[in-house]
Protein backbone atom coordinates (compact mmCIF):
# COMPACT_ATOMS: atom_id res chain seq x y z
CA MET A 1 73.18 133.20 108.46
CA ARG A 2 76.44 132.90 110.37
CA LYS A 3 78.81 135.83 110.05
CA GLN A 4 81.47 133.75 108.29
CA ASP A 5 79.02 132.45 105.67
CA MET A 6 79.28 135.54 103.49
CA CYS A 7 81.65 138.40 102.76
CA ALA A 8 81.02 141.45 100.59
CA ILE A 9 82.87 143.48 97.98
CA ILE A 10 81.99 147.14 97.40
CA ASP A 11 83.66 148.35 94.21
CA LEU A 12 83.74 152.16 94.19
CA ASN A 13 85.49 152.47 90.82
CA GLU A 14 82.38 153.75 89.06
CA PRO A 15 82.03 156.21 86.15
CA SER A 16 81.70 159.76 87.50
CA GLU A 17 82.22 162.11 84.55
CA ALA A 18 78.49 162.76 84.03
CA LEU A 19 78.20 163.88 87.67
CA ALA A 20 80.89 166.58 87.41
CA PRO A 21 81.53 169.04 89.01
CA LEU A 22 80.03 167.26 92.05
CA THR A 23 82.53 164.42 91.55
CA ASP A 24 85.58 166.61 90.91
CA GLU A 25 86.82 165.94 94.46
CA ARG A 26 84.79 162.89 95.48
CA PRO A 27 83.77 159.53 93.96
CA VAL A 28 80.16 158.56 93.30
CA GLY A 29 80.11 156.55 96.54
CA THR A 30 80.47 159.59 98.80
CA MET A 31 77.93 161.80 97.03
CA PRO A 32 75.70 163.35 99.77
CA PHE A 33 72.09 162.19 99.77
CA ALA A 34 68.80 163.10 101.51
CA GLY A 35 70.23 165.62 103.96
CA ARG A 36 72.49 163.30 105.97
CA TYR A 37 73.59 160.19 104.05
CA ARG A 38 76.27 159.24 101.52
CA LEU A 39 75.54 156.82 98.68
CA VAL A 40 77.94 154.23 100.11
CA ASP A 41 75.74 154.08 103.23
CA PHE A 42 73.16 152.04 101.32
CA PRO A 43 75.31 149.04 100.34
CA LEU A 44 77.06 149.16 103.72
CA SER A 45 73.70 149.10 105.52
CA ALA A 46 72.38 146.25 103.36
CA ILE A 47 75.51 144.26 104.17
CA SER A 48 75.28 145.04 107.89
CA ASN A 49 71.58 144.12 108.02
CA ALA A 50 72.48 140.71 106.55
CA ASP A 51 74.89 140.19 109.46
CA ILE A 52 77.93 140.33 107.16
CA ARG A 53 80.97 141.63 109.02
CA THR A 54 83.76 141.10 106.48
CA VAL A 55 83.75 143.78 103.79
CA GLY A 56 86.33 144.70 101.17
CA ILE A 57 86.06 148.25 99.84
CA PHE A 58 88.00 148.76 96.62
CA LEU A 59 88.84 152.42 96.54
CA PRO A 60 88.62 154.82 93.60
CA LYS A 61 91.38 157.23 92.62
CA SER A 62 89.93 159.96 94.87
CA SER A 63 89.62 157.96 98.08
CA ARG A 64 90.10 160.47 100.91
CA SER A 65 86.37 161.12 101.40
CA VAL A 66 85.64 157.38 101.47
CA GLU A 67 88.20 156.70 104.20
CA ASP A 68 87.05 159.71 106.20
CA HIS A 69 83.42 158.59 106.07
CA VAL A 70 83.75 154.84 106.60
CA ARG A 71 86.74 154.79 108.97
CA SER A 72 86.59 151.60 111.08
CA GLY A 73 83.04 150.76 110.02
CA GLN A 74 81.68 151.38 113.52
CA ALA A 75 78.48 153.04 112.24
CA TRP A 76 77.61 149.76 110.48
CA ASP A 77 78.71 147.50 113.37
CA MET A 78 81.74 146.25 111.47
CA ASP A 79 84.51 147.17 113.93
CA THR A 80 84.65 143.62 115.25
CA ILE A 81 87.40 141.32 116.52
CA THR A 82 86.88 139.00 113.54
CA GLY A 83 86.22 140.36 110.08
CA GLY A 84 85.94 144.13 109.66
CA VAL A 85 86.28 146.69 106.88
CA PHE A 86 89.29 146.22 104.61
CA THR A 87 90.20 148.93 102.12
CA PHE A 88 92.26 148.30 99.00
CA PRO A 89 94.03 151.14 97.17
CA TYR A 90 93.24 152.27 93.66
CA VAL A 91 95.17 150.44 90.96
CA ALA A 92 95.91 152.48 87.81
CA THR A 93 94.35 149.98 85.44
CA ARG A 94 94.44 152.35 82.46
CA ASP A 95 97.88 150.98 81.78
CA TYR A 96 96.61 147.64 80.51
CA ASP A 97 100.04 146.55 79.26
CA ASP A 98 101.71 146.80 82.66
CA PRO A 99 101.81 143.22 84.04
CA THR A 100 102.60 144.50 87.54
CA ASN A 101 99.43 146.57 87.70
CA ILE A 102 97.35 143.76 86.23
CA HIS A 103 98.70 141.36 88.84
CA ARG A 104 98.05 143.86 91.69
CA TYR A 105 94.47 144.44 90.54
CA TYR A 106 93.53 140.75 90.75
CA ASP A 107 95.74 140.03 93.75
CA ASN A 108 93.83 142.54 95.89
CA TYR A 109 90.54 140.74 95.24
CA LEU A 110 92.09 137.29 95.69
CA THR A 111 93.80 138.23 98.96
CA PHE A 112 90.54 139.52 100.40
CA LEU A 113 88.46 136.54 99.26
CA ILE A 114 90.93 133.90 100.45
CA LYS A 115 91.38 135.50 103.88
CA SER A 116 87.63 136.00 104.32
CA LYS A 117 87.15 132.20 104.60
CA SER A 118 83.56 132.75 103.53
CA GLU A 119 81.34 130.49 101.46
CA TYR A 120 79.56 133.24 99.49
CA VAL A 121 80.38 136.76 98.32
CA PHE A 122 78.02 139.65 97.60
CA ILE A 123 79.35 142.16 95.03
CA THR A 124 77.99 145.68 94.58
CA GLY A 125 78.81 149.28 93.77
CA ALA A 126 77.25 152.41 95.29
CA ARG A 127 75.37 154.20 92.50
CA HIS A 128 72.12 152.25 93.04
CA VAL A 129 70.24 153.73 96.00
CA SER A 130 68.19 150.88 97.44
CA ASN A 131 67.41 148.86 100.57
CA ILE A 132 67.95 145.31 99.39
CA ASP A 133 67.52 142.27 101.64
CA VAL A 134 70.81 140.42 101.11
CA SER A 135 69.71 137.53 103.32
CA ALA A 136 66.72 136.91 101.01
CA LEU A 137 69.09 137.16 98.03
CA LEU A 138 71.27 134.41 99.54
CA GLN A 139 68.28 132.12 100.13
CA PHE A 140 67.17 132.66 96.53
CA HIS A 141 70.67 131.84 95.28
CA GLN A 142 70.96 128.68 97.39
CA ALA A 143 67.71 127.34 95.91
CA SER A 144 69.25 127.17 92.42
CA PRO A 145 72.23 125.24 91.02
CA ASN A 146 73.33 128.22 88.92
CA PRO A 147 76.71 129.71 89.93
CA ILE A 148 75.75 133.41 89.91
CA THR A 149 72.68 135.41 90.91
CA ALA A 150 72.24 138.88 89.41
CA VAL A 151 69.84 141.50 90.82
CA TYR A 152 67.45 143.56 88.71
CA ARG A 153 64.44 145.81 89.10
CA SER A 154 61.44 146.15 86.81
CA VAL A 155 61.24 149.63 85.29
CA PRO A 156 58.30 150.82 83.13
CA THR A 157 59.39 150.93 79.51
CA ALA A 158 58.25 154.55 79.20
CA THR A 159 60.62 155.73 81.96
CA ALA A 160 63.59 153.38 81.48
CA ASN A 161 66.86 155.04 80.53
CA PRO A 162 67.52 153.76 76.98
CA GLU A 163 71.26 153.44 77.65
CA GLN A 164 71.00 151.78 81.06
CA GLU A 165 72.11 148.17 81.28
CA ALA A 166 69.26 145.65 81.12
CA PHE A 167 69.05 141.86 81.32
CA VAL A 168 68.04 139.56 78.52
CA LEU A 169 66.00 136.86 80.28
CA ASP A 170 65.00 133.45 78.96
CA ALA A 171 61.72 131.60 79.51
CA ASP A 172 62.95 130.37 82.92
CA ASN A 173 63.72 133.95 84.05
CA GLU A 174 67.46 133.33 83.92
CA VAL A 175 70.00 135.89 82.66
CA VAL A 176 71.53 135.00 79.33
CA ASP A 177 72.92 138.37 78.25
CA PHE A 178 73.19 142.13 78.88
CA ALA A 179 72.25 144.95 76.52
CA PRO A 180 71.27 148.62 76.64
CA SER A 181 67.63 148.97 77.67
CA LYS A 182 66.69 150.29 74.21
CA ASP A 183 67.77 146.97 72.69
CA VAL A 184 65.90 144.73 75.15
CA LYS A 185 62.30 143.77 74.47
CA GLU A 186 59.79 144.79 77.10
CA ARG A 187 57.90 142.16 79.06
CA VAL A 188 54.42 142.32 77.59
CA SER A 189 52.77 141.15 80.84
CA ASN A 190 53.63 144.36 82.71
CA HIS A 191 55.27 146.65 80.08
CA THR A 192 58.57 146.81 81.96
CA LYS A 193 62.22 146.10 81.30
CA PRO A 194 64.54 144.22 83.71
CA ILE A 195 67.18 146.85 84.56
CA SER A 196 70.41 145.59 86.10
CA MET A 197 71.31 146.88 89.59
CA GLN A 198 74.91 145.67 89.13
CA MET A 199 74.67 143.53 92.26
CA TYR A 200 75.74 139.89 92.21
CA LEU A 201 76.05 136.92 94.54
CA THR A 202 78.20 133.87 93.94
CA ARG A 203 80.27 131.28 95.78
CA THR A 204 83.60 132.60 96.98
CA ASP A 205 85.58 129.65 95.61
CA TYR A 206 83.90 130.12 92.22
CA LEU A 207 85.01 133.78 92.08
CA ILE A 208 88.52 132.91 93.29
CA GLU A 209 88.88 130.37 90.48
CA LEU A 210 87.54 132.87 87.94
CA LEU A 211 89.90 135.67 89.05
CA SER A 212 92.90 133.34 89.19
CA ARG A 213 92.24 132.10 85.68
CA VAL A 214 92.10 135.62 84.24
CA GLN A 215 95.13 136.76 86.23
CA ASN A 216 97.20 133.88 84.89
CA SER A 217 96.10 134.67 81.33
CA GLY A 218 97.84 138.07 81.49
CA LYS A 219 94.76 139.84 80.18
CA PHE A 220 93.03 142.69 81.98
CA ILE A 221 89.29 142.69 82.58
CA ARG A 222 87.71 144.71 85.39
CA LEU A 223 85.63 142.71 87.85
CA PRO A 224 82.19 143.92 86.63
CA GLN A 225 83.04 143.08 83.03
CA LEU A 226 84.48 139.75 84.11
CA ILE A 227 81.17 138.85 85.79
CA HIS A 228 79.31 139.95 82.66
CA GLN A 229 81.38 137.63 80.54
CA GLU A 230 80.81 134.76 82.92
CA ILE A 231 77.05 135.32 82.96
CA THR A 232 76.89 135.19 79.17
CA THR A 233 78.63 131.80 79.15
CA ALA A 234 76.92 130.26 82.20
CA GLN A 235 73.31 130.38 83.33
CA ALA A 236 72.63 133.01 86.04
CA ASN A 237 69.67 133.50 88.34
CA ALA A 238 67.71 136.75 88.08
CA PHE A 239 66.59 138.11 91.48
CA GLU A 240 64.01 140.90 91.34
CA TYR A 241 64.27 143.75 93.84
CA THR A 242 60.87 145.41 94.33
CA GLY A 243 61.58 148.29 96.73
CA TYR A 244 62.53 151.89 95.98
CA CYS A 245 65.59 152.25 93.80
CA ALA A 246 67.30 155.17 92.08
CA THR A 247 70.32 154.89 89.81
CA ILE A 248 72.67 157.86 90.11
CA HIS A 249 74.32 158.18 86.69
CA ASP A 250 74.14 161.93 85.91
CA ILE A 251 73.10 165.28 87.39
CA PRO A 252 69.35 165.02 86.60
CA SER A 253 69.14 161.51 88.11
CA TYR A 254 70.95 162.68 91.26
CA PHE A 255 68.65 165.68 91.54
CA GLN A 256 65.51 163.57 91.06
CA ALA A 257 66.58 160.92 93.58
CA ASN A 258 66.95 163.60 96.26
CA MET A 259 63.61 165.14 95.31
CA ASP A 260 62.05 161.66 95.61
CA MET A 261 62.85 161.76 99.33
CA LEU A 262 60.30 164.57 99.71
CA ASP A 263 57.64 162.00 98.78
CA GLU A 264 56.59 160.43 102.09
CA GLU A 265 55.94 156.99 100.62
CA LYS A 266 59.33 156.79 98.90
CA PHE A 267 61.08 158.28 101.93
CA HIS A 268 59.70 155.64 104.29
CA SER A 269 60.14 152.82 101.76
CA LEU A 270 63.85 153.51 101.47
CA LEU A 271 64.87 154.84 104.87
CA PHE A 272 62.39 153.42 107.37
CA SER A 273 61.64 149.88 106.29
CA GLN A 274 62.38 146.83 108.46
CA ARG A 275 66.02 147.27 107.46
CA ALA A 276 67.59 150.45 108.80
CA ILE A 277 69.97 152.69 106.87
CA TYR A 278 73.02 153.66 108.93
CA THR A 279 75.50 156.50 108.51
CA LYS A 280 78.28 158.22 110.42
CA ASN A 281 76.65 160.26 113.16
CA LYS A 282 77.27 163.94 113.85
CA ASN A 283 76.42 165.18 117.35
CA GLU A 284 75.05 168.64 116.61
CA ALA A 285 72.15 170.83 117.63
CA PRO A 286 69.00 170.69 115.48
CA THR A 287 68.52 173.31 112.79
CA TYR A 288 67.10 176.60 114.13
CA PHE A 289 63.93 177.96 112.54
CA ALA A 290 63.32 181.67 113.16
CA PRO A 291 59.73 182.77 113.90
CA GLU A 292 59.52 184.34 110.44
CA ALA A 293 60.85 181.22 108.64
CA ASP A 294 58.44 179.65 106.13
CA VAL A 295 59.27 175.98 105.56
CA LEU A 296 57.22 173.31 103.80
CA SER A 297 57.99 169.89 102.30
CA SER A 298 61.74 169.96 102.90
CA LEU A 299 64.46 167.79 104.48
CA LEU A 300 66.99 169.50 106.71
CA GLY A 301 70.20 168.34 108.34
CA THR A 302 71.46 169.52 111.72
CA GLY A 303 73.20 172.71 112.78
CA GLY A 304 71.61 175.11 110.29
CA ARG A 305 69.76 178.41 110.65
CA VAL A 306 66.70 179.28 108.56
CA TYR A 307 65.13 182.74 108.43
CA GLY A 308 63.71 182.66 104.91
CA LYS A 309 61.42 180.50 102.78
CA LEU A 310 62.00 176.83 101.90
CA ARG A 311 59.89 174.73 99.56
CA ASP A 312 60.54 171.19 98.29
CA SER A 313 64.26 171.31 99.08
CA VAL A 314 66.97 169.20 100.70
CA LEU A 315 69.40 170.99 103.02
CA PHE A 316 72.41 169.33 104.60
CA ARG A 317 74.30 170.26 107.78
CA ASN A 318 75.11 173.83 108.84
CA VAL A 319 73.25 175.60 106.02
CA TYR A 320 72.29 179.26 106.57
CA VAL A 321 69.27 180.78 104.79
CA ASP A 322 68.99 184.53 105.47
CA HIS A 323 65.92 186.77 105.83
CA ASP A 324 63.68 187.19 102.75
CA ALA A 325 65.66 184.55 100.84
CA GLN A 326 63.77 181.74 99.16
CA VAL A 327 65.03 178.28 98.29
CA LEU A 328 62.75 176.27 96.01
CA HIS A 329 63.29 172.76 94.60
CA SER A 330 66.99 172.80 95.44
CA ILE A 331 69.75 170.75 97.08
CA ILE A 332 72.01 172.76 99.40
CA MET A 333 75.03 170.93 100.77
CA GLN A 334 76.96 171.31 103.99
CA GLY A 335 78.11 174.73 105.14
CA SER A 336 76.55 176.74 102.31
CA ARG A 337 75.18 180.27 102.81
CA ILE A 338 72.28 182.01 101.04
CA GLY A 339 72.08 185.76 101.51
CA ASN A 340 69.26 188.17 102.27
CA GLY A 341 66.66 188.35 99.49
CA ALA A 342 68.36 185.73 97.31
CA ASP A 343 66.21 183.56 95.04
CA VAL A 344 67.51 180.00 94.51
CA GLU A 345 65.37 177.65 92.39
CA TYR A 346 66.33 174.29 90.90
CA VAL A 347 69.91 174.59 92.07
CA ILE A 348 72.44 172.10 93.46
CA MET A 349 74.98 173.86 95.69
CA ASP A 350 77.99 171.79 96.69
CA LYS A 351 79.71 172.19 100.08
CA GLY A 352 80.72 175.64 101.25
CA CYS A 353 79.04 177.70 98.52
CA VAL A 354 77.93 181.30 99.11
CA VAL A 355 75.13 183.12 97.29
CA GLY A 356 75.05 186.84 98.09
CA PRO A 357 72.10 189.16 98.81
CA ASP A 358 69.43 189.52 96.10
CA VAL A 359 71.19 187.12 93.72
CA LYS A 360 68.83 185.08 91.50
CA LEU A 361 69.78 181.57 90.37
CA ILE A 362 66.93 179.82 88.57
CA GLY A 363 67.38 176.49 86.80
CA THR A 364 64.90 173.86 85.61
CA PRO A 365 64.00 170.32 86.75
CA GLU A 366 65.65 168.89 83.63
CA ALA A 367 68.79 171.04 83.95
CA PRO A 368 69.36 172.24 87.52
CA ILE A 369 72.14 174.77 88.03
CA VAL A 370 75.17 173.17 89.70
CA LEU A 371 77.62 175.19 91.80
CA LYS A 372 80.88 173.38 92.43
CA LYS A 373 82.40 173.16 95.89
CA GLY A 374 83.35 176.52 97.43
CA THR A 375 81.76 178.72 94.74
CA THR A 376 81.08 182.28 95.89
CA ILE A 377 78.57 184.49 94.04
CA LEU A 378 78.23 187.91 95.63
CA ASP A 379 76.17 189.76 92.99
CA GLN A 380 74.09 189.14 89.88
CA SER A 381 76.90 189.89 87.45
CA ALA A 382 79.01 187.19 89.10
CA ALA A 383 76.02 184.86 88.84
CA GLU A 384 75.79 185.46 85.09
CA GLU A 385 79.50 184.69 84.69
CA VAL A 386 79.08 181.40 86.55
CA LEU A 387 76.05 180.44 84.47
CA GLN A 388 77.89 181.14 81.21
CA SER A 389 81.05 179.25 82.19
């Protein structure tokens, strides 16, 4: 595939309320993952691995962390003379009656697509953690006359989220509608449901015509909903992704996706397949393990110091675990500190949190305790106040 054959759109305007307080100061796309990555690394890597070098990132309201992480796109080999990473500011689309905002919303997409001079466009968000082969997706799309290809994964009926968006497929395995998983019949052959990954591929001129038509109508429909409407009126291909995938839609799903990375098979399937996952590099010393440290089945970022006990946990950069402390089944983000004798189990600590000596924080797999960014808990009474708030 030549570089000019395809461009990509990453739409980071994704629902984040169910991930609060972790999304109070960041969008879903820059949620930390697996000790060193951000969720936006996965679509960016998929795009880079398909040799796409023209990418439009449509920013959410809280965009600072996105711009700080992506920058010029160098980590994904996108800082090129032609193409590159183009960011488009958040448009306050809540004001649906403002014609200026409506025009700006569509004009940003149209400007990017027209200037890309590409034949095809790949559209995605960042909440689906996967390692999709976009080149294979393009070949699949080109083999069919249908205007749009939508990506799905087969999820066992017993584990499918009943509210998650699923495809209604016809006898030819083409998408004819969307519905919550609970309202879609399972496929009897394998007892699964086709869950949408909210990734699409279409011709660029087709999307330009579609956006122009809606813009001229004066109505407001966000791009994902616009594609949904188009799929329900025109036949769409259904492309099945068969690798590891996790959908980050709430705190338990985020917690479980990180815990999945402690499973060697899932870890290698996602991060060490034929298609690499790239991220912004940090040149730091490895984490220091004291002679008395007791560490098993954990992922650790760089620059930390561990003197205590770790089990089945994910630690990011510059985390300090003091003597006689234990961290079990937890996610500890950058720069956090856990004091002497503390007991942290089933906890998600955002950046820069401090847990004092002998403090006990014990959650459950279904409801992990979440400490928002910069929380400091110096004694057990403070811990009880945080848990009750």
